[in-house]
Amino acid sequence: MADPNSPTRGQWTTEIFGCYEDPSNCWVTFVCPCLTFARNAEIVDEGKTTAFTAGRHYLVLCNFAPILGATLYACTYRSKLRRRFELPEQPCRHCGDCYVHHLCRFFALCQEHRELSNRHMDPRGGKIVCDFKIFLTTRLHFRP
């Protein structure tokens, strides 16, 4: 039986400019975007890439190839997130993930972080904590 409190597949649970929904993550992303990216990437990649590795790569790309390297690297994870939850391209259907990350980098990272949190995959806890929460909510129908 589907959980009535779970977010709908195919729809974003948060808007791209909805940073006010999680001000602490907004500040962290503004000060250190590689930290937010690292947390998101570890969950989206289902632990295949550690937060440390993803964050390190993003930091290097932001410093040495910010326009092409960092944008392309980040947009691949946004695409993986969208495929995983069958989400439409946001903010409009004609803007690809790379355009979103190029033009609205901080907003895109914050939106992805909120999306994972809203789907009970809090990136702050990492892959192990995320898996345990999913187990509790899907197998035992427990809501913390």
N, C-alpha and C. Protein backbone atom coordinates (compact mmCIF):
# COMPACT_ATOMS: atom_id res chain seq x y z
N MET A 1 0.84 -1.18 0.00
CA MET A 1 0.00 0.00 0.00
C MET A 1 0.88 1.24 0.00
N ALA A 2 0.56 2.20 -0.83
CA ALA A 2 1.36 3.42 -0.93
C ALA A 2 1.11 4.31 0.28
N ASP A 3 2.15 4.96 0.69
CA ASP A 3 2.08 5.87 1.83
C ASP A 3 1.45 7.18 1.39
N PRO A 4 0.35 7.63 2.04
CA PRO A 4 -0.30 8.87 1.63
C PRO A 4 0.55 10.11 1.89
N ASN A 5 1.56 10.01 2.77
CA ASN A 5 2.41 11.16 3.08
C ASN A 5 3.63 11.26 2.17
N SER A 6 3.84 10.26 1.32
CA SER A 6 5.02 10.29 0.46
C SER A 6 4.77 11.20 -0.74
N PRO A 7 5.82 11.89 -1.20
CA PRO A 7 5.68 12.78 -2.35
C PRO A 7 5.32 12.02 -3.62
N THR A 8 4.63 12.68 -4.51
CA THR A 8 4.19 12.10 -5.76
C THR A 8 5.35 12.00 -6.75
N ARG A 9 5.48 10.83 -7.38
CA ARG A 9 6.49 10.70 -8.44
C ARG A 9 6.05 11.58 -9.61
N GLY A 10 7.03 12.14 -10.27
CA GLY A 10 6.72 12.96 -11.43
C GLY A 10 6.47 14.42 -11.12
N GLN A 11 6.55 14.81 -9.84
CA GLN A 11 6.35 16.21 -9.46
C GLN A 11 7.42 16.63 -8.47
N TRP A 12 7.95 17.82 -8.66
CA TRP A 12 8.88 18.38 -7.69
C TRP A 12 8.08 18.75 -6.44
N THR A 13 8.67 18.55 -5.28
CA THR A 13 8.00 18.93 -4.03
C THR A 13 8.36 20.34 -3.61
N THR A 14 9.28 20.96 -4.33
CA THR A 14 9.76 22.29 -3.98
C THR A 14 10.17 23.04 -5.24
N GLU A 15 9.99 24.34 -5.22
CA GLU A 15 10.34 25.16 -6.38
C GLU A 15 11.83 25.51 -6.38
N ILE A 16 12.34 25.88 -7.53
CA ILE A 16 13.77 26.17 -7.62
C ILE A 16 14.16 27.40 -6.80
N PHE A 17 13.27 28.38 -6.67
CA PHE A 17 13.59 29.57 -5.89
C PHE A 17 12.99 29.51 -4.49
N GLY A 18 12.77 28.31 -3.98
CA GLY A 18 12.16 28.12 -2.66
C GLY A 18 13.17 28.02 -1.53
N CYS A 19 14.25 28.77 -1.59
CA CYS A 19 15.30 28.67 -0.56
C CYS A 19 14.80 28.99 0.84
N TYR A 20 13.75 29.80 0.93
CA TYR A 20 13.19 30.16 2.24
C TYR A 20 12.65 28.94 2.98
N GLU A 21 12.41 27.83 2.28
CA GLU A 21 11.91 26.62 2.93
C GLU A 21 12.96 25.97 3.83
N ASP A 22 14.22 26.19 3.54
CA ASP A 22 15.32 25.63 4.34
C ASP A 22 16.46 26.65 4.38
N PRO A 23 16.31 27.69 5.21
CA PRO A 23 17.31 28.77 5.24
C PRO A 23 18.71 28.31 5.64
N SER A 24 18.80 27.32 6.52
CA SER A 24 20.14 26.88 6.94
C SER A 24 20.89 26.26 5.76
N ASN A 25 20.21 25.46 4.95
CA ASN A 25 20.86 24.88 3.77
C ASN A 25 21.19 25.97 2.76
N CYS A 26 20.36 26.97 2.67
CA CYS A 26 20.63 28.08 1.76
C CYS A 26 21.95 28.76 2.12
N TRP A 27 22.16 29.01 3.41
CA TRP A 27 23.40 29.65 3.85
C TRP A 27 24.60 28.74 3.63
N VAL A 28 24.45 27.47 3.95
CA VAL A 28 25.56 26.52 3.74
C VAL A 28 25.93 26.48 2.26
N THR A 29 24.94 26.44 1.40
CA THR A 29 25.18 26.37 -0.04
C THR A 29 25.85 27.64 -0.55
N PHE A 30 25.43 28.78 -0.03
CA PHE A 30 26.02 30.05 -0.46
C PHE A 30 27.49 30.14 -0.04
N VAL A 31 27.79 29.68 1.18
CA VAL A 31 29.16 29.76 1.71
C VAL A 31 30.05 28.66 1.14
N CYS A 32 29.50 27.44 1.04
CA CYS A 32 30.31 26.30 0.60
C CYS A 32 29.46 25.36 -0.27
N PRO A 33 29.26 25.72 -1.54
CA PRO A 33 28.40 24.90 -2.40
C PRO A 33 28.90 23.47 -2.58
N CYS A 34 30.20 23.27 -2.44
CA CYS A 34 30.73 21.91 -2.62
C CYS A 34 30.22 20.97 -1.53
N LEU A 35 29.90 21.49 -0.35
CA LEU A 35 29.36 20.66 0.73
C LEU A 35 27.95 20.18 0.39
N THR A 36 27.11 21.09 -0.05
CA THR A 36 25.74 20.70 -0.44
C THR A 36 25.78 19.75 -1.62
N PHE A 37 26.61 20.05 -2.61
CA PHE A 37 26.72 19.16 -3.76
C PHE A 37 27.17 17.77 -3.33
N ALA A 38 28.17 17.71 -2.45
CA ALA A 38 28.71 16.42 -2.00
C ALA A 38 27.64 15.58 -1.31
N ARG A 39 26.88 16.20 -0.44
CA ARG A 39 25.81 15.48 0.27
C ARG A 39 24.76 14.96 -0.70
N ASN A 40 24.36 15.83 -1.64
CA ASN A 40 23.36 15.42 -2.63
C ASN A 40 23.87 14.28 -3.50
N ALA A 41 25.10 14.42 -3.97
CA ALA A 41 25.67 13.43 -4.90
C ALA A 41 25.76 12.05 -4.27
N GLU A 42 26.13 11.98 -3.00
CA GLU A 42 26.25 10.68 -2.34
C GLU A 42 24.91 9.95 -2.31
N ILE A 43 23.83 10.68 -2.04
CA ILE A 43 22.50 10.07 -1.99
C ILE A 43 22.01 9.73 -3.40
N VAL A 44 22.14 10.66 -4.32
CA VAL A 44 21.67 10.43 -5.69
C VAL A 44 22.41 9.25 -6.32
N ASP A 45 23.70 9.14 -6.03
CA ASP A 45 24.52 8.07 -6.59
C ASP A 45 24.42 6.78 -5.77
N GLU A 46 23.54 6.76 -4.78
CA GLU A 46 23.29 5.59 -3.93
C GLU A 46 24.56 5.06 -3.29
N GLY A 47 25.45 5.97 -2.89
CA GLY A 47 26.66 5.58 -2.17
C GLY A 47 27.81 5.12 -3.05
N LYS A 48 27.61 5.06 -4.36
CA LYS A 48 28.70 4.63 -5.24
C LYS A 48 29.83 5.67 -5.25
N THR A 49 29.46 6.91 -5.07
CA THR A 49 30.42 8.00 -4.94
C THR A 49 30.28 8.55 -3.53
N THR A 50 31.37 8.64 -2.80
CA THR A 50 31.29 9.18 -1.44
C THR A 50 31.12 10.69 -1.50
N ALA A 51 30.60 11.25 -0.41
CA ALA A 51 30.45 12.69 -0.33
C ALA A 51 31.80 13.38 -0.46
N PHE A 52 32.82 12.80 0.15
CA PHE A 52 34.16 13.39 0.09
C PHE A 52 34.66 13.47 -1.35
N THR A 53 34.53 12.38 -2.08
CA THR A 53 35.00 12.34 -3.47
C THR A 53 34.22 13.32 -4.34
N ALA A 54 32.90 13.31 -4.24
CA ALA A 54 32.08 14.21 -5.05
C ALA A 54 32.38 15.67 -4.71
N GLY A 55 32.50 15.97 -3.43
CA GLY A 55 32.79 17.34 -3.01
C GLY A 55 34.16 17.80 -3.48
N ARG A 56 35.13 16.93 -3.40
CA ARG A 56 36.49 17.26 -3.85
C ARG A 56 36.50 17.56 -5.35
N HIS A 57 35.85 16.70 -6.13
CA HIS A 57 35.81 16.92 -7.58
C HIS A 57 35.10 18.24 -7.91
N TYR A 58 33.99 18.48 -7.23
CA TYR A 58 33.23 19.71 -7.49
C TYR A 58 34.04 20.95 -7.11
N LEU A 59 34.74 20.89 -5.99
CA LEU A 59 35.58 22.01 -5.56
C LEU A 59 36.68 22.30 -6.58
N VAL A 60 37.34 21.27 -7.04
CA VAL A 60 38.41 21.45 -8.04
C VAL A 60 37.82 22.03 -9.33
N LEU A 61 36.70 21.48 -9.78
CA LEU A 61 36.09 21.98 -11.01
C LEU A 61 35.59 23.41 -10.87
N CYS A 62 35.05 23.77 -9.71
CA CYS A 62 34.59 25.15 -9.48
C CYS A 62 35.76 26.13 -9.55
N ASN A 63 36.91 25.71 -9.10
CA ASN A 63 38.08 26.60 -9.09
C ASN A 63 38.81 26.66 -10.42
N PHE A 64 38.86 25.56 -11.15
CA PHE A 64 39.66 25.53 -12.37
C PHE A 64 38.85 25.49 -13.67
N ALA A 65 37.62 25.07 -13.61
CA ALA A 65 36.78 25.03 -14.81
C ALA A 65 35.33 25.31 -14.41
N PRO A 66 35.05 26.50 -13.85
CA PRO A 66 33.73 26.75 -13.27
C PRO A 66 32.58 26.71 -14.27
N ILE A 67 32.81 27.22 -15.46
CA ILE A 67 31.70 27.31 -16.40
C ILE A 67 31.40 25.96 -17.03
N LEU A 68 32.40 25.33 -17.57
CA LEU A 68 32.15 24.07 -18.26
C LEU A 68 32.22 22.87 -17.32
N GLY A 69 33.29 22.73 -16.58
CA GLY A 69 33.50 21.54 -15.76
C GLY A 69 32.50 21.37 -14.63
N ALA A 70 32.38 22.39 -13.78
CA ALA A 70 31.48 22.30 -12.63
C ALA A 70 30.03 22.19 -13.06
N THR A 71 29.66 22.95 -14.08
CA THR A 71 28.28 22.90 -14.58
C THR A 71 27.93 21.52 -15.11
N LEU A 72 28.79 20.97 -15.95
CA LEU A 72 28.52 19.64 -16.51
C LEU A 72 28.50 18.56 -15.44
N TYR A 73 29.42 18.65 -14.49
CA TYR A 73 29.47 17.66 -13.41
C TYR A 73 28.20 17.71 -12.57
N ALA A 74 27.77 18.92 -12.20
CA ALA A 74 26.58 19.06 -11.37
C ALA A 74 25.31 18.69 -12.13
N CYS A 75 25.24 19.02 -13.40
CA CYS A 75 24.01 18.74 -14.13
C CYS A 75 23.80 17.24 -14.33
N THR A 76 24.88 16.45 -14.34
CA THR A 76 24.69 15.00 -14.45
C THR A 76 23.98 14.45 -13.22
N TYR A 77 24.27 14.99 -12.05
CA TYR A 77 23.60 14.52 -10.84
C TYR A 77 22.15 15.02 -10.78
N ARG A 78 21.90 16.22 -11.29
CA ARG A 78 20.52 16.70 -11.35
C ARG A 78 19.71 15.80 -12.29
N SER A 79 20.31 15.40 -13.40
CA SER A 79 19.63 14.50 -14.34
C SER A 79 19.34 13.15 -13.69
N LYS A 80 20.29 12.63 -12.93
CA LYS A 80 20.07 11.35 -12.22
C LYS A 80 18.93 11.48 -11.22
N LEU A 81 18.89 12.60 -10.51
CA LEU A 81 17.81 12.84 -9.54
C LEU A 81 16.46 12.89 -10.25
N ARG A 82 16.40 13.61 -11.37
CA ARG A 82 15.15 13.71 -12.11
C ARG A 82 14.70 12.35 -12.64
N ARG A 83 15.63 11.56 -13.16
CA ARG A 83 15.27 10.23 -13.67
C ARG A 83 14.78 9.33 -12.54
N ARG A 84 15.43 9.40 -11.40
CA ARG A 84 15.08 8.53 -10.27
C ARG A 84 13.64 8.76 -9.81
N PHE A 85 13.22 10.02 -9.80
CA PHE A 85 11.87 10.34 -9.32
C PHE A 85 10.93 10.79 -10.44
N GLU A 86 11.35 10.62 -11.69
CA GLU A 86 10.55 10.96 -12.86
C GLU A 86 10.09 12.42 -12.81
N LEU A 87 11.01 13.31 -12.51
CA LEU A 87 10.70 14.73 -12.37
C LEU A 87 10.87 15.46 -13.69
N PRO A 88 10.03 16.48 -13.93
CA PRO A 88 10.18 17.27 -15.15
C PRO A 88 11.36 18.23 -15.03
N GLU A 89 11.83 18.71 -16.18
CA GLU A 89 12.88 19.73 -16.15
C GLU A 89 12.29 21.00 -15.56
N GLN A 90 13.02 21.61 -14.67
CA GLN A 90 12.56 22.82 -13.99
C GLN A 90 13.60 23.91 -14.16
N PRO A 91 13.28 25.14 -14.22
CA PRO A 91 11.99 25.76 -14.01
C PRO A 91 11.07 25.71 -15.23
N CYS A 92 11.60 25.37 -16.40
CA CYS A 92 10.73 25.21 -17.56
C CYS A 92 11.20 24.00 -18.36
N ARG A 93 10.35 23.49 -19.18
CA ARG A 93 10.66 22.27 -19.93
C ARG A 93 11.75 22.50 -20.98
N HIS A 94 11.97 23.73 -21.37
CA HIS A 94 12.94 24.01 -22.42
C HIS A 94 14.33 24.32 -21.87
N CYS A 95 14.45 24.40 -20.55
CA CYS A 95 15.76 24.64 -19.92
C CYS A 95 16.32 23.30 -19.48
N GLY A 96 17.42 22.91 -20.03
CA GLY A 96 18.05 21.66 -19.63
C GLY A 96 18.70 21.79 -18.26
N ASP A 97 19.08 20.66 -17.71
CA ASP A 97 19.72 20.64 -16.39
C ASP A 97 21.01 21.45 -16.38
N CYS A 98 21.74 21.43 -17.48
CA CYS A 98 22.99 22.20 -17.54
C CYS A 98 22.73 23.70 -17.51
N TYR A 99 21.68 24.15 -18.18
CA TYR A 99 21.34 25.58 -18.12
C TYR A 99 20.96 25.98 -16.71
N VAL A 100 20.19 25.14 -16.05
CA VAL A 100 19.77 25.44 -14.68
C VAL A 100 20.98 25.56 -13.77
N HIS A 101 21.91 24.63 -13.88
CA HIS A 101 23.10 24.69 -13.03
C HIS A 101 24.04 25.82 -13.44
N HIS A 102 24.05 26.18 -14.69
CA HIS A 102 24.92 27.27 -15.12
C HIS A 102 24.36 28.62 -14.68
N LEU A 103 23.07 28.82 -14.85
CA LEU A 103 22.47 30.12 -14.55
C LEU A 103 22.02 30.28 -13.11
N CYS A 104 21.66 29.18 -12.46
CA CYS A 104 21.10 29.23 -11.10
C CYS A 104 21.77 28.18 -10.21
N ARG A 105 23.08 28.14 -10.20
CA ARG A 105 23.82 27.08 -9.51
C ARG A 105 23.39 26.90 -8.06
N PHE A 106 23.38 27.97 -7.28
CA PHE A 106 23.07 27.85 -5.86
C PHE A 106 21.61 27.44 -5.65
N PHE A 107 20.71 28.01 -6.44
CA PHE A 107 19.30 27.65 -6.32
C PHE A 107 19.07 26.18 -6.69
N ALA A 108 19.76 25.71 -7.72
CA ALA A 108 19.62 24.31 -8.15
C ALA A 108 20.10 23.35 -7.06
N LEU A 109 21.25 23.65 -6.47
CA LEU A 109 21.77 22.79 -5.40
C LEU A 109 20.82 22.76 -4.21
N CYS A 110 20.29 23.93 -3.85
CA CYS A 110 19.34 23.99 -2.72
C CYS A 110 18.06 23.22 -3.04
N GLN A 111 17.55 23.36 -4.26
CA GLN A 111 16.34 22.64 -4.64
C GLN A 111 16.55 21.14 -4.58
N GLU A 112 17.68 20.67 -5.08
CA GLU A 112 17.97 19.23 -5.06
C GLU A 112 18.08 18.72 -3.63
N HIS A 113 18.69 19.51 -2.76
CA HIS A 113 18.83 19.14 -1.35
C HIS A 113 17.44 19.03 -0.69
N ARG A 114 16.59 20.03 -0.93
CA ARG A 114 15.24 20.00 -0.36
C ARG A 114 14.43 18.85 -0.93
N GLU A 115 14.59 18.57 -2.21
CA GLU A 115 13.85 17.47 -2.84
C GLU A 115 14.21 16.14 -2.18
N LEU A 116 15.49 15.90 -1.98
CA LEU A 116 15.91 14.66 -1.31
C LEU A 116 15.38 14.61 0.11
N SER A 117 15.43 15.73 0.82
CA SER A 117 14.92 15.77 2.20
C SER A 117 13.42 15.50 2.23
N ASN A 118 12.69 16.10 1.30
CA ASN A 118 11.24 15.91 1.26
C ASN A 118 10.85 14.48 0.90
N ARG A 119 11.75 13.76 0.28
CA ARG A 119 11.51 12.36 -0.07
C ARG A 119 12.15 11.42 0.94
N HIS A 120 12.36 11.93 2.14
CA HIS A 120 12.88 11.15 3.28
C HIS A 120 14.27 10.60 3.02
N MET A 121 15.08 11.34 2.29
CA MET A 121 16.47 10.95 2.02
C MET A 121 17.36 12.12 2.41
N ASP A 122 17.35 12.48 3.66
CA ASP A 122 18.06 13.67 4.11
C ASP A 122 19.55 13.56 3.81
N PRO A 123 20.06 14.39 2.92
CA PRO A 123 21.48 14.33 2.56
C PRO A 123 22.42 14.65 3.71
N ARG A 124 21.95 15.31 4.75
CA ARG A 124 22.82 15.66 5.87
C ARG A 124 23.33 14.42 6.60
N GLY A 125 22.56 13.34 6.55
CA GLY A 125 22.94 12.13 7.27
C GLY A 125 23.82 11.18 6.49
N GLY A 126 23.91 11.36 5.19
CA GLY A 126 24.72 10.46 4.37
C GLY A 126 23.94 9.22 3.96
N LYS A 127 24.58 8.37 3.22
CA LYS A 127 23.94 7.18 2.65
C LYS A 127 23.45 6.19 3.70
N ILE A 128 24.22 5.93 4.73
CA ILE A 128 23.83 4.93 5.73
C ILE A 128 22.59 5.37 6.49
N VAL A 129 22.56 6.60 6.95
CA VAL A 129 21.39 7.11 7.66
C VAL A 129 20.19 7.15 6.74
N CYS A 130 20.40 7.53 5.49
CA CYS A 130 19.32 7.57 4.50
C CYS A 130 18.71 6.18 4.30
N ASP A 131 19.54 5.16 4.13
CA ASP A 131 19.04 3.80 3.95
C ASP A 131 18.23 3.33 5.16
N PHE A 132 18.68 3.66 6.37
CA PHE A 132 17.97 3.26 7.58
C PHE A 132 16.61 3.94 7.65
N LYS A 133 16.54 5.23 7.31
CA LYS A 133 15.25 5.94 7.32
C LYS A 133 14.30 5.36 6.29
N ILE A 134 14.81 5.01 5.12
CA ILE A 134 13.97 4.41 4.09
C ILE A 134 13.44 3.06 4.58
N PHE A 135 14.28 2.28 5.22
CA PHE A 135 13.86 0.99 5.77
C PHE A 135 12.74 1.19 6.78
N LEU A 136 12.91 2.15 7.68
CA LEU A 136 11.89 2.40 8.70
C LEU A 136 10.57 2.83 8.09
N THR A 137 10.63 3.72 7.11
CA THR A 137 9.39 4.26 6.55
C THR A 137 8.70 3.30 5.58
N THR A 138 9.46 2.49 4.85
CA THR A 138 8.82 1.61 3.87
C THR A 138 8.51 0.22 4.41
N ARG A 139 9.38 -0.32 5.22
CA ARG A 139 9.18 -1.69 5.72
C ARG A 139 8.36 -1.72 7.01
N LEU A 140 8.62 -0.77 7.88
CA LEU A 140 7.94 -0.78 9.17
C LEU A 140 6.84 0.27 9.27
N HIS A 141 6.69 1.10 8.22
CA HIS A 141 5.69 2.17 8.19
C HIS A 141 5.81 3.07 9.42
N PHE A 142 7.03 3.41 9.75
CA PHE A 142 7.32 4.24 10.91
C PHE A 142 7.62 5.65 10.44
N ARG A 143 7.00 6.63 11.07
CA ARG A 143 7.25 8.04 10.75
C ARG A 143 7.94 8.69 11.94
N PRO A 144 9.21 9.10 11.76
CA PRO A 144 9.89 9.76 12.89
C PRO A 144 9.28 11.11 13.21
